Amino acid sequence: MQHAVAAVTPRFLKTPDAAVHLGLSARTLEKHRCFGTGPVFRKLGGRIVYAIEDLDAWAALGTRNSTSDPGHGVVHPAKRRPTDVVRR
């Protein structure tokens, strides 16, 4: 008796795979996570994972039709924003 094996499509990606999905480096995605400028992520135990639909939604914020198109969202660079307060 043979059992049919269904292909499983991943719903969550670890940081290196999520970075490949977005065309970024893993380090850039880590910086976005630290500065709060990146896509929504989940922490499952000690692992950071990203839902594919969250990655696509974040990337869609940068959609433009031309260089003069202001768009409807902003994808910030992976650096501290001037409005962030640094506490020491």
N, C-alpha and C. Protein backbone atom coordinates (compact mmCIF):
# COMPACT_ATOMS: atom_id res chain seq x y z
N MET A 1 0.84 -1.17 0.00
CA MET A 1 0.00 0.00 0.00
C MET A 1 0.89 1.24 0.00
N GLN A 2 0.68 2.13 -0.95
CA GLN A 2 1.48 3.34 -1.06
C GLN A 2 0.66 4.54 -0.59
N HIS A 3 1.34 5.43 0.12
CA HIS A 3 0.70 6.65 0.59
C HIS A 3 1.13 7.80 -0.31
N ALA A 4 0.19 8.59 -0.70
CA ALA A 4 0.50 9.76 -1.53
C ALA A 4 1.13 10.83 -0.64
N VAL A 5 2.22 11.38 -1.10
CA VAL A 5 2.90 12.44 -0.36
C VAL A 5 2.58 13.76 -1.03
N ALA A 6 1.93 14.62 -0.28
CA ALA A 6 1.57 15.93 -0.82
C ALA A 6 2.73 16.89 -0.61
N ALA A 7 3.00 17.70 -1.62
CA ALA A 7 4.05 18.71 -1.51
C ALA A 7 3.58 19.79 -0.54
N VAL A 8 4.44 20.16 0.36
CA VAL A 8 4.11 21.18 1.34
C VAL A 8 4.75 22.50 0.91
N THR A 9 3.92 23.51 0.77
CA THR A 9 4.43 24.83 0.45
C THR A 9 4.72 25.54 1.75
N PRO A 10 5.93 26.07 1.91
CA PRO A 10 6.25 26.73 3.18
C PRO A 10 5.43 28.01 3.36
N ARG A 11 4.95 28.22 4.57
CA ARG A 11 4.22 29.44 4.89
C ARG A 11 5.12 30.45 5.55
N PHE A 12 6.17 29.95 6.20
CA PHE A 12 7.11 30.81 6.91
C PHE A 12 8.52 30.56 6.40
N LEU A 13 9.31 31.63 6.35
CA LEU A 13 10.69 31.52 5.91
C LEU A 13 11.61 32.03 7.01
N LYS A 14 12.74 31.37 7.20
CA LYS A 14 13.77 31.88 8.10
C LYS A 14 14.46 33.06 7.44
N THR A 15 15.23 33.81 8.19
CA THR A 15 15.83 35.05 7.71
C THR A 15 16.60 34.89 6.40
N PRO A 16 17.49 33.89 6.25
CA PRO A 16 18.23 33.80 4.98
C PRO A 16 17.31 33.57 3.78
N ASP A 17 16.30 32.74 3.94
CA ASP A 17 15.37 32.47 2.84
C ASP A 17 14.47 33.66 2.56
N ALA A 18 14.07 34.37 3.62
CA ALA A 18 13.25 35.57 3.44
C ALA A 18 14.05 36.65 2.70
N ALA A 19 15.33 36.76 3.02
CA ALA A 19 16.19 37.73 2.35
C ALA A 19 16.30 37.41 0.86
N VAL A 20 16.47 36.15 0.53
CA VAL A 20 16.52 35.73 -0.88
C VAL A 20 15.19 36.06 -1.57
N HIS A 21 14.10 35.81 -0.90
CA HIS A 21 12.77 36.09 -1.46
C HIS A 21 12.64 37.57 -1.82
N LEU A 22 13.21 38.45 -0.97
CA LEU A 22 13.11 39.90 -1.19
C LEU A 22 14.24 40.45 -2.05
N GLY A 23 15.28 39.66 -2.27
CA GLY A 23 16.43 40.15 -3.02
C GLY A 23 17.35 41.01 -2.18
N LEU A 24 17.36 40.78 -0.87
CA LEU A 24 18.20 41.51 0.07
C LEU A 24 19.20 40.55 0.68
N SER A 25 20.17 41.11 1.39
CA SER A 25 21.06 40.24 2.16
C SER A 25 20.39 39.93 3.50
N ALA A 26 20.79 38.84 4.10
CA ALA A 26 20.24 38.47 5.41
C ALA A 26 20.57 39.55 6.44
N ARG A 27 21.76 40.12 6.34
CA ARG A 27 22.17 41.15 7.29
C ARG A 27 21.29 42.40 7.18
N THR A 28 20.93 42.77 5.95
CA THR A 28 20.04 43.92 5.75
C THR A 28 18.68 43.65 6.38
N LEU A 29 18.18 42.45 6.22
CA LEU A 29 16.89 42.10 6.83
C LEU A 29 16.99 42.11 8.35
N GLU A 30 18.12 41.68 8.90
CA GLU A 30 18.33 41.74 10.36
C GLU A 30 18.35 43.19 10.84
N LYS A 31 18.98 44.08 10.08
CA LYS A 31 19.00 45.49 10.45
C LYS A 31 17.59 46.08 10.41
N HIS A 32 16.84 45.74 9.38
CA HIS A 32 15.45 46.22 9.32
C HIS A 32 14.68 45.76 10.55
N ARG A 33 14.91 44.54 11.00
CA ARG A 33 14.22 44.02 12.18
C ARG A 33 14.62 44.81 13.42
N CYS A 34 15.89 45.12 13.56
CA CYS A 34 16.37 45.86 14.74
C CYS A 34 15.84 47.29 14.78
N PHE A 35 15.77 47.94 13.62
CA PHE A 35 15.34 49.33 13.56
C PHE A 35 13.83 49.49 13.42
N GLY A 36 13.12 48.38 13.23
CA GLY A 36 11.66 48.45 13.11
C GLY A 36 11.19 48.97 11.77
N THR A 37 12.04 48.87 10.75
CA THR A 37 11.68 49.39 9.43
C THR A 37 11.33 48.27 8.45
N GLY A 38 11.40 47.04 8.87
CA GLY A 38 11.21 45.91 7.97
C GLY A 38 9.84 45.27 8.05
N PRO A 39 9.73 44.12 7.41
CA PRO A 39 8.44 43.41 7.42
C PRO A 39 8.13 42.83 8.79
N VAL A 40 6.86 42.53 9.00
CA VAL A 40 6.41 41.89 10.24
C VAL A 40 7.07 40.52 10.34
N PHE A 41 7.52 40.17 11.54
CA PHE A 41 8.12 38.86 11.75
C PHE A 41 7.50 38.21 12.96
N ARG A 42 7.76 36.93 13.10
CA ARG A 42 7.28 36.18 14.26
C ARG A 42 8.46 35.52 14.94
N LYS A 43 8.38 35.42 16.24
CA LYS A 43 9.41 34.72 17.00
C LYS A 43 8.77 33.45 17.54
N LEU A 44 9.20 32.33 17.02
CA LEU A 44 8.67 31.03 17.43
C LEU A 44 9.77 30.31 18.20
N GLY A 45 9.62 30.29 19.51
CA GLY A 45 10.71 29.78 20.33
C GLY A 45 11.87 30.74 20.19
N GLY A 46 13.01 30.25 19.74
CA GLY A 46 14.17 31.11 19.52
C GLY A 46 14.38 31.47 18.07
N ARG A 47 13.44 31.09 17.21
CA ARG A 47 13.61 31.33 15.77
C ARG A 47 12.79 32.52 15.30
N ILE A 48 13.38 33.27 14.39
CA ILE A 48 12.69 34.37 13.74
C ILE A 48 12.22 33.85 12.39
N VAL A 49 10.94 34.01 12.11
CA VAL A 49 10.39 33.58 10.82
C VAL A 49 9.51 34.69 10.25
N TYR A 50 9.38 34.67 8.93
CA TYR A 50 8.57 35.65 8.22
C TYR A 50 7.52 34.92 7.41
N ALA A 51 6.28 35.38 7.46
CA ALA A 51 5.23 34.83 6.60
C ALA A 51 5.44 35.41 5.20
N ILE A 52 5.31 34.57 4.21
CA ILE A 52 5.53 35.00 2.83
C ILE A 52 4.60 36.16 2.46
N GLU A 53 3.35 36.11 2.90
CA GLU A 53 2.43 37.20 2.57
C GLU A 53 2.84 38.51 3.24
N ASP A 54 3.47 38.45 4.43
CA ASP A 54 3.97 39.67 5.08
C ASP A 54 5.15 40.25 4.32
N LEU A 55 6.02 39.39 3.81
CA LEU A 55 7.15 39.85 3.00
C LEU A 55 6.66 40.55 1.75
N ASP A 56 5.68 39.94 1.08
CA ASP A 56 5.15 40.51 -0.15
C ASP A 56 4.42 41.83 0.12
N ALA A 57 3.70 41.91 1.23
CA ALA A 57 2.97 43.14 1.58
C ALA A 57 3.96 44.27 1.87
N TRP A 58 5.05 43.97 2.56
CA TRP A 58 6.06 44.98 2.87
C TRP A 58 6.73 45.47 1.59
N ALA A 59 7.07 44.54 0.71
CA ALA A 59 7.71 44.92 -0.55
C ALA A 59 6.76 45.74 -1.42
N ALA A 60 5.46 45.46 -1.33
CA ALA A 60 4.48 46.19 -2.13
C ALA A 60 4.38 47.66 -1.73
N LEU A 61 4.82 48.00 -0.51
CA LEU A 61 4.82 49.41 -0.09
C LEU A 61 5.71 50.26 -0.98
N GLY A 62 6.69 49.64 -1.61
CA GLY A 62 7.62 50.38 -2.47
C GLY A 62 7.19 50.43 -3.92
N THR A 63 5.99 49.97 -4.24
CA THR A 63 5.52 49.95 -5.63
C THR A 63 5.32 51.36 -6.16
N ARG A 64 5.91 51.61 -7.32
CA ARG A 64 5.79 52.90 -8.00
C ARG A 64 5.59 52.65 -9.48
N ASN A 65 4.92 53.57 -10.17
CA ASN A 65 4.73 53.49 -11.62
C ASN A 65 5.77 54.30 -12.38
N SER A 66 6.36 55.29 -11.73
CA SER A 66 7.38 56.12 -12.35
C SER A 66 8.23 56.74 -11.25
N THR A 67 9.31 57.41 -11.64
CA THR A 67 10.18 58.03 -10.64
C THR A 67 9.50 59.21 -9.96
N SER A 68 8.49 59.77 -10.58
CA SER A 68 7.78 60.90 -9.97
C SER A 68 6.54 60.45 -9.18
N ASP A 69 6.24 59.18 -9.20
CA ASP A 69 5.08 58.64 -8.48
C ASP A 69 5.39 58.59 -6.99
N PRO A 70 4.63 59.31 -6.13
CA PRO A 70 4.91 59.26 -4.69
C PRO A 70 4.51 57.94 -4.05
N GLY A 71 3.65 57.16 -4.71
CA GLY A 71 3.23 55.88 -4.16
C GLY A 71 2.31 56.03 -2.98
N HIS A 72 2.00 54.91 -2.36
CA HIS A 72 1.08 54.91 -1.22
C HIS A 72 1.74 54.46 0.06
N GLY A 73 2.99 54.10 0.01
CA GLY A 73 3.69 53.64 1.19
C GLY A 73 5.16 53.95 1.08
N VAL A 74 5.89 53.67 2.13
CA VAL A 74 7.32 53.94 2.16
C VAL A 74 8.04 52.71 2.70
N VAL A 75 9.09 52.31 2.00
CA VAL A 75 10.00 51.29 2.52
C VAL A 75 11.23 52.06 2.97
N HIS A 76 11.41 52.19 4.28
CA HIS A 76 12.52 52.94 4.83
C HIS A 76 13.83 52.18 4.66
N PRO A 77 14.95 52.91 4.60
CA PRO A 77 16.24 52.22 4.57
C PRO A 77 16.50 51.52 5.90
N ALA A 78 17.42 50.57 5.88
CA ALA A 78 17.73 49.80 7.09
C ALA A 78 18.70 50.58 7.96
N LYS A 79 18.22 51.68 8.51
CA LYS A 79 19.03 52.45 9.45
C LYS A 79 18.11 53.15 10.43
N ARG A 80 18.69 53.62 11.50
CA ARG A 80 17.90 54.29 12.54
C ARG A 80 17.27 55.55 11.96
N ARG A 81 16.00 55.73 12.21
CA ARG A 81 15.30 56.92 11.74
C ARG A 81 15.61 58.08 12.68
N PRO A 82 15.68 59.31 12.16
CA PRO A 82 16.01 60.46 13.01
C PRO A 82 15.04 60.67 14.15
N THR A 83 13.82 60.19 14.01
CA THR A 83 12.81 60.38 15.07
C THR A 83 12.98 59.38 16.21
N ASP A 84 13.82 58.35 16.01
CA ASP A 84 14.02 57.35 17.06
C ASP A 84 14.88 57.93 18.18
N VAL A 85 14.49 57.64 19.39
CA VAL A 85 15.24 58.09 20.56
C VAL A 85 16.18 56.96 20.98
N VAL A 86 17.44 57.32 21.19
CA VAL A 86 18.43 56.34 21.63
C VAL A 86 18.57 56.48 23.14
N ARG A 87 18.31 55.40 23.86
CA ARG A 87 18.44 55.42 25.32
C ARG A 87 19.70 54.67 25.70
N ARG A 88 20.42 55.23 26.59
CA ARG A 88 21.69 54.60 27.05
C ARG A 88 21.67 54.36 28.52
